């Protein structure tokens, strides 16, 4: 569904869930080799508090970030790292996504973290540090950060709420980009 809705691409991304102290994460190459029609037998699982799961050759490149977030935020139960079509221009430019739609105000300003390679421990640290002030968003619906030159990383108490957030943020990004095409006419006043 994420691929069909252009919320990610064949280049990558990953989805994980937490059940107790166990992580379940989409395997490496879910996009490129499985075209997001993931065989359940290939889902990687392991103890969140052990590094043993990282030894699995199918453990996703950004899996270190998933583990770090689950370790830092007990309330986190679902994570989506994706490459949404309208979010990618902001990620490529390293520019924040301000909320312009009422239904995205709850996510606040979606800010880029400091750049680090996708597979690195440093990226995992940067994501956790940026999410530290967003614990309430994680428990309410979701918190998200941009990965410069890469994509989005969203965290929630529920994987479906996380998916909803990624889609809302993607449409919000489209609205920002589309405003550049609007004629230069006065806007209607917004009622408060």
C-alpha atoms as a PDB file:
ATOM      1  CA  UNK A   1       0.000   0.000   0.000  1.00  0.00           C
ATOM      2  CA  UNK A   2       2.824   2.440   0.787  1.00  0.00           C
ATOM      3  CA  UNK A   3       4.381   1.836  -2.613  1.00  0.00           C
ATOM      4  CA  UNK A   4       1.049   2.201  -4.444  1.00  0.00           C
ATOM      5  CA  UNK A   5       0.396   5.518  -2.662  1.00  0.00           C
ATOM      6  CA  UNK A   6       3.905   6.790  -3.576  1.00  0.00           C
ATOM      7  CA  UNK A   7       4.923   6.928   0.068  1.00  0.00           C
ATOM      8  CA  UNK A   8       8.071   4.984  -0.739  1.00  0.00           C
ATOM      9  CA  UNK A   9       9.949   3.585  -3.720  1.00  0.00           C
ATOM     10  CA  UNK A  10      11.988   0.588  -4.852  1.00  0.00           C
ATOM     11  CA  UNK A  11      15.185   2.250  -3.591  1.00  0.00           C
ATOM     12  CA  UNK A  12      14.394   1.371  -0.031  1.00  0.00           C
ATOM     13  CA  UNK A  13      12.839   2.281   3.239  1.00  0.00           C
ATOM     14  CA  UNK A  14      11.810  -0.036   6.028  1.00  0.00           C
ATOM     15  CA  UNK A  15       8.951  -0.689   8.413  1.00  0.00           C
ATOM     16  CA  UNK A  16       9.173  -2.094  11.900  1.00  0.00           C
ATOM     17  CA  UNK A  17       6.954  -2.942  14.824  1.00  0.00           C
ATOM     18  CA  UNK A  18       7.668  -3.564  18.446  1.00  0.00           C
ATOM     19  CA  UNK A  19       5.866  -6.288  20.379  1.00  0.00           C
ATOM     20  CA  UNK A  20       7.163  -6.364  23.933  1.00  0.00           C
ATOM     21  CA  UNK A  21      10.933  -6.483  23.646  1.00  0.00           C
ATOM     22  CA  UNK A  22      10.922  -7.933  20.120  1.00  0.00           C
ATOM     23  CA  UNK A  23      11.464  -5.975  16.895  1.00  0.00           C
ATOM     24  CA  UNK A  24       9.919  -7.147  13.623  1.00  0.00           C
ATOM     25  CA  UNK A  25      11.436  -5.295  10.664  1.00  0.00           C
ATOM     26  CA  UNK A  26      11.068  -5.526   6.903  1.00  0.00           C
ATOM     27  CA  UNK A  27      14.085  -7.212   5.342  1.00  0.00           C
ATOM     28  CA  UNK A  28      16.862  -5.535   3.439  1.00  0.00           C
ATOM     29  CA  UNK A  29      15.949  -4.990  -0.225  1.00  0.00           C
ATOM     30  CA  UNK A  30      12.186  -5.042   0.467  1.00  0.00           C
ATOM     31  CA  UNK A  31      11.722  -2.555  -2.363  1.00  0.00           C
ATOM     32  CA  UNK A  32      14.393  -3.569  -4.835  1.00  0.00           C
ATOM     33  CA  UNK A  33      13.993  -7.348  -4.637  1.00  0.00           C
ATOM     34  CA  UNK A  34      10.501  -7.943  -3.231  1.00  0.00           C
ATOM     35  CA  UNK A  35       8.882  -4.824  -4.736  1.00  0.00           C
ATOM     36  CA  UNK A  36       7.218  -4.250  -1.356  1.00  0.00           C
ATOM     37  CA  UNK A  37       5.214  -7.475  -1.696  1.00  0.00           C
ATOM     38  CA  UNK A  38       7.024  -8.773   1.364  1.00  0.00           C
ATOM     39  CA  UNK A  39       7.122 -12.494   2.038  1.00  0.00           C
ATOM     40  CA  UNK A  40       6.291 -12.803   5.769  1.00  0.00           C
ATOM     41  CA  UNK A  41       8.964 -15.503   6.086  1.00  0.00           C
ATOM     42  CA  UNK A  42      11.646 -12.883   5.305  1.00  0.00           C
ATOM     43  CA  UNK A  43      10.719 -10.465   8.099  1.00  0.00           C
ATOM     44  CA  UNK A  44      13.639 -10.142  10.487  1.00  0.00           C
ATOM     45  CA  UNK A  45      12.991 -10.331  14.231  1.00  0.00           C
ATOM     46  CA  UNK A  46      15.021 -10.243  17.384  1.00  0.00           C
ATOM     47  CA  UNK A  47      15.464  -8.842  20.867  1.00  0.00           C
ATOM     48  CA  UNK A  48      15.445  -5.035  20.873  1.00  0.00           C
ATOM     49  CA  UNK A  49      18.010  -4.901  23.670  1.00  0.00           C
ATOM     50  CA  UNK A  50      20.506  -7.229  21.993  1.00  0.00           C
ATOM     51  CA  UNK A  51      22.724  -6.422  19.017  1.00  0.00           C
ATOM     52  CA  UNK A  52      22.413 -10.031  17.824  1.00  0.00           C
ATOM     53  CA  UNK A  53      19.627  -9.171  15.331  1.00  0.00           C
ATOM     54  CA  UNK A  54      22.069  -6.896  13.477  1.00  0.00           C
ATOM     55  CA  UNK A  55      24.073  -9.994  12.517  1.00  0.00           C
ATOM     56  CA  UNK A  56      21.253 -11.219  10.286  1.00  0.00           C
ATOM     57  CA  UNK A  57      22.367 -10.591   6.665  1.00  0.00           C
ATOM     58  CA  UNK A  58      18.834  -9.409   5.819  1.00  0.00           C
ATOM     59  CA  UNK A  59      18.748  -6.841   8.645  1.00  0.00           C
ATOM     60  CA  UNK A  60      17.846  -3.504   7.079  1.00  0.00           C
ATOM     61  CA  UNK A  61      20.496  -0.783   6.668  1.00  0.00           C
ATOM     62  CA  UNK A  62      18.543   1.682   8.819  1.00  0.00           C
ATOM     63  CA  UNK A  63      17.719  -1.046  11.328  1.00  0.00           C
ATOM     64  CA  UNK A  64      20.243   0.450  13.751  1.00  0.00           C
ATOM     65  CA  UNK A  65      18.102   3.588  13.879  1.00  0.00           C
ATOM     66  CA  UNK A  66      14.958   1.527  14.541  1.00  0.00           C
ATOM     67  CA  UNK A  67      16.661  -0.296  17.420  1.00  0.00           C
ATOM     68  CA  UNK A  68      18.017   2.953  18.877  1.00  0.00           C
ATOM     69  CA  UNK A  69      14.579   4.575  18.825  1.00  0.00           C
ATOM     70  CA  UNK A  70      12.895   1.564  20.444  1.00  0.00           C
ATOM     71  CA  UNK A  71      15.584   1.513  23.120  1.00  0.00           C
ATOM     72  CA  UNK A  72      15.193   5.253  23.820  1.00  0.00           C
ATOM     73  CA  UNK A  73      11.376   5.450  23.665  1.00  0.00           C
ATOM     74  CA  UNK A  74       9.497   2.650  25.421  1.00  0.00           C
ATOM     75  CA  UNK A  75       6.219   4.034  24.011  1.00  0.00           C
ATOM     76  CA  UNK A  76       7.376   3.627  20.400  1.00  0.00           C
ATOM     77  CA  UNK A  77       5.681   0.613  18.791  1.00  0.00           C
ATOM     78  CA  UNK A  78       5.824   1.401  15.072  1.00  0.00           C
ATOM     79  CA  UNK A  79       8.407   3.027  12.795  1.00  0.00           C
ATOM     80  CA  UNK A  80       8.290   3.853   9.111  1.00  0.00           C
ATOM     81  CA  UNK A  81      11.333   5.003   7.195  1.00  0.00           C
ATOM     82  CA  UNK A  82      10.204   5.918   3.687  1.00  0.00           C
ATOM     83  CA  UNK A  83      10.922   7.959   0.586  1.00  0.00           C
ATOM     84  CA  UNK A  84       7.596   9.780  -0.013  1.00  0.00           C
ATOM     85  CA  UNK A  85       7.326  11.431  -3.421  1.00  0.00           C
ATOM     86  CA  UNK A  86       6.568  14.971  -2.197  1.00  0.00           C
ATOM     87  CA  UNK A  87       8.759  14.789   0.911  1.00  0.00           C
ATOM     88  CA  UNK A  88      11.903  13.899  -1.057  1.00  0.00           C
ATOM     89  CA  UNK A  89      12.490  17.428  -2.459  1.00  0.00           C
ATOM     90  CA  UNK A  90      12.635  18.704   1.133  1.00  0.00           C
ATOM     91  CA  UNK A  91      14.971  15.875   2.166  1.00  0.00           C
ATOM     92  CA  UNK A  92      17.193  16.516  -0.859  1.00  0.00           C
ATOM     93  CA  UNK A  93      17.426  20.207   0.013  1.00  0.00           C
ATOM     94  CA  UNK A  94      17.771  19.595   3.764  1.00  0.00           C
ATOM     95  CA  UNK A  95      14.793  21.907   4.347  1.00  0.00           C
ATOM     96  CA  UNK A  96      12.183  21.574   7.073  1.00  0.00           C
ATOM     97  CA  UNK A  97       8.527  20.959   6.242  1.00  0.00           C
ATOM     98  CA  UNK A  98       6.282  23.467   8.047  1.00  0.00           C
ATOM     99  CA  UNK A  99       2.683  22.464   8.699  1.00  0.00           C
ATOM    100  CA  UNK A 100       0.421  24.260   6.209  1.00  0.00           C
ATOM    101  CA  UNK A 101      -2.604  22.009   6.632  1.00  0.00           C
ATOM    102  CA  UNK A 102      -4.700  21.901   9.771  1.00  0.00           C
ATOM    103  CA  UNK A 103      -4.344  18.118   9.974  1.00  0.00           C
ATOM    104  CA  UNK A 104      -0.540  18.357  10.107  1.00  0.00           C
ATOM    105  CA  UNK A 105      -0.231  21.011  12.835  1.00  0.00           C
ATOM    106  CA  UNK A 106       0.028  18.244  15.446  1.00  0.00           C
ATOM    107  CA  UNK A 107       3.349  17.120  13.934  1.00  0.00           C
ATOM    108  CA  UNK A 108       4.910  20.573  14.188  1.00  0.00           C
ATOM    109  CA  UNK A 109       7.849  21.522  12.014  1.00  0.00           C
ATOM    110  CA  UNK A 110       9.350  18.393  10.430  1.00  0.00           C
ATOM    111  CA  UNK A 111      13.040  19.174  10.726  1.00  0.00           C
ATOM    112  CA  UNK A 112      16.066  17.539   9.139  1.00  0.00           C
ATOM    113  CA  UNK A 113      18.538  15.816  11.435  1.00  0.00           C
ATOM    114  CA  UNK A 114      22.264  16.328  10.926  1.00  0.00           C
ATOM    115  CA  UNK A 115      23.466  14.299   7.933  1.00  0.00           C
ATOM    116  CA  UNK A 116      25.052  10.902   8.500  1.00  0.00           C
ATOM    117  CA  UNK A 117      25.248   7.863   6.197  1.00  0.00           C
ATOM    118  CA  UNK A 118      22.112   5.692   6.110  1.00  0.00           C
ATOM    119  CA  UNK A 119      23.648   2.640   7.739  1.00  0.00           C
ATOM    120  CA  UNK A 120      25.566   4.457  10.456  1.00  0.00           C
ATOM    121  CA  UNK A 121      25.285   4.534  14.225  1.00  0.00           C
ATOM    122  CA  UNK A 122      25.686   8.323  13.921  1.00  0.00           C
ATOM    123  CA  UNK A 123      22.416   8.587  11.950  1.00  0.00           C
ATOM    124  CA  UNK A 124      20.686   6.547  14.654  1.00  0.00           C
ATOM    125  CA  UNK A 125      22.050   8.939  17.307  1.00  0.00           C
ATOM    126  CA  UNK A 126      20.962  11.991  15.303  1.00  0.00           C
ATOM    127  CA  UNK A 127      17.416  10.642  14.959  1.00  0.00           C
ATOM    128  CA  UNK A 128      17.101   9.829  18.674  1.00  0.00           C
ATOM    129  CA  UNK A 129      18.473  13.250  19.662  1.00  0.00           C
ATOM    130  CA  UNK A 130      15.993  15.051  17.399  1.00  0.00           C
ATOM    131  CA  UNK A 131      13.066  12.997  18.725  1.00  0.00           C
ATOM    132  CA  UNK A 132      13.865  13.639  22.406  1.00  0.00           C
ATOM    133  CA  UNK A 133      11.586  16.678  22.592  1.00  0.00           C
ATOM    134  CA  UNK A 134       8.781  14.917  20.711  1.00  0.00           C
ATOM    135  CA  UNK A 135       7.761  12.163  23.136  1.00  0.00           C
ATOM    136  CA  UNK A 136       4.221  13.579  23.419  1.00  0.00           C
ATOM    137  CA  UNK A 137       3.804  13.449  19.635  1.00  0.00           C
ATOM    138  CA  UNK A 138       4.860   9.790  19.627  1.00  0.00           C
ATOM    139  CA  UNK A 139       2.179   8.952  22.185  1.00  0.00           C
ATOM    140  CA  UNK A 140      -0.511  11.151  20.573  1.00  0.00           C
ATOM    141  CA  UNK A 141      -0.041  10.062  16.953  1.00  0.00           C
ATOM    142  CA  UNK A 142       3.480  10.290  15.566  1.00  0.00           C
ATOM    143  CA  UNK A 143       6.701  12.263  15.471  1.00  0.00           C
ATOM    144  CA  UNK A 144       8.766  12.591  12.310  1.00  0.00           C
ATOM    145  CA  UNK A 145      12.160  13.837  11.194  1.00  0.00           C
ATOM    146  CA  UNK A 146      13.741  14.295   7.791  1.00  0.00           C
ATOM    147  CA  UNK A 147      16.877  12.428   6.810  1.00  0.00           C
ATOM    148  CA  UNK A 148      18.906  14.800   4.611  1.00  0.00           C
ATOM    149  CA  UNK A 149      19.310  13.542   1.038  1.00  0.00           C
ATOM    150  CA  UNK A 150      17.381  10.428   2.013  1.00  0.00           C
ATOM    151  CA  UNK A 151      13.754  10.461   3.234  1.00  0.00           C
ATOM    152  CA  UNK A 152      11.571  10.575   6.325  1.00  0.00           C
ATOM    153  CA  UNK A 153      11.648   8.668   9.621  1.00  0.00           C
ATOM    154  CA  UNK A 154       8.352   8.526  11.554  1.00  0.00           C
ATOM    155  CA  UNK A 155       7.744   7.001  14.988  1.00  0.00           C
ATOM    156  CA  UNK A 156       4.440   6.212  16.688  1.00  0.00           C
ATOM    157  CA  UNK A 157       2.727   4.172  19.362  1.00  0.00           C
ATOM    158  CA  UNK A 158       0.897   2.366  16.524  1.00  0.00           C
ATOM    159  CA  UNK A 159       2.040   1.408  13.021  1.00  0.00           C
ATOM    160  CA  UNK A 160      -1.240   2.480  11.382  1.00  0.00           C
ATOM    161  CA  UNK A 161      -1.099   5.910  13.058  1.00  0.00           C
ATOM    162  CA  UNK A 162       2.479   6.127  11.810  1.00  0.00           C
ATOM    163  CA  UNK A 163       1.361   5.355   8.258  1.00  0.00           C
ATOM    164  CA  UNK A 164      -1.387   7.975   8.535  1.00  0.00           C
ATOM    165  CA  UNK A 165       1.197  10.543   9.638  1.00  0.00           C
ATOM    166  CA  UNK A 166       3.554   9.785   6.748  1.00  0.00           C
ATOM    167  CA  UNK A 167       0.732  10.237   4.260  1.00  0.00           C
ATOM    168  CA  UNK A 168      -0.461  13.506   5.863  1.00  0.00           C
ATOM    169  CA  UNK A 169       3.083  14.892   5.873  1.00  0.00           C
ATOM    170  CA  UNK A 170       3.517  13.878   2.233  1.00  0.00           C
ATOM    171  CA  UNK A 171       0.331  15.741   1.185  1.00  0.00           C
ATOM    172  CA  UNK A 172       1.381  18.706   3.299  1.00  0.00           C
ATOM    173  CA  UNK A 173       4.680  18.753   1.386  1.00  0.00           C
ATOM    174  CA  UNK A 174       2.741  18.638  -1.902  1.00  0.00           C
ATOM    175  CA  UNK A 175       0.707  21.666  -0.823  1.00  0.00           C
ATOM    176  CA  UNK A 176       3.872  23.637  -0.114  1.00  0.00           C
ATOM    177  CA  UNK A 177       5.342  22.724  -3.491  1.00  0.00           C
ATOM    178  CA  UNK A 178       2.053  23.365  -5.350  1.00  0.00           C
ATOM    179  CA  UNK A 179       1.703  26.860  -3.883  1.00  0.00           C
ATOM    180  CA  UNK A 180       4.576  27.903  -6.148  1.00  0.00           C
ATOM    181  CA  UNK A 181       2.263  27.260  -9.114  1.00  0.00           C
ATOM    182  CA  UNK A 182      -0.623  29.382  -7.832  1.00  0.00           C
ATOM    183  CA  UNK A 183      -1.244  32.761  -9.433  1.00  0.00           C
ATOM    184  CA  UNK A 184      -0.089  35.740  -7.437  1.00  0.00           C
ATOM    185  CA  UNK A 185      -3.495  36.803  -6.106  1.00  0.00           C
ATOM    186  CA  UNK A 186      -4.585  37.754  -2.609  1.00  0.00           C
ATOM    187  CA  UNK A 187      -5.460  34.909  -0.293  1.00  0.00           C
ATOM    188  CA  UNK A 188      -8.824  34.688   1.400  1.00  0.00           C
ATOM    189  CA  UNK A 189      -8.757  35.543   5.108  1.00  0.00           C
ATOM    190  CA  UNK A 190      -8.574  32.546   7.416  1.00  0.00           C
ATOM    191  CA  UNK A 191     -11.201  32.531  10.154  1.00  0.00           C
ATOM    192  CA  UNK A 192      -9.741  31.941  13.627  1.00  0.00           C
END
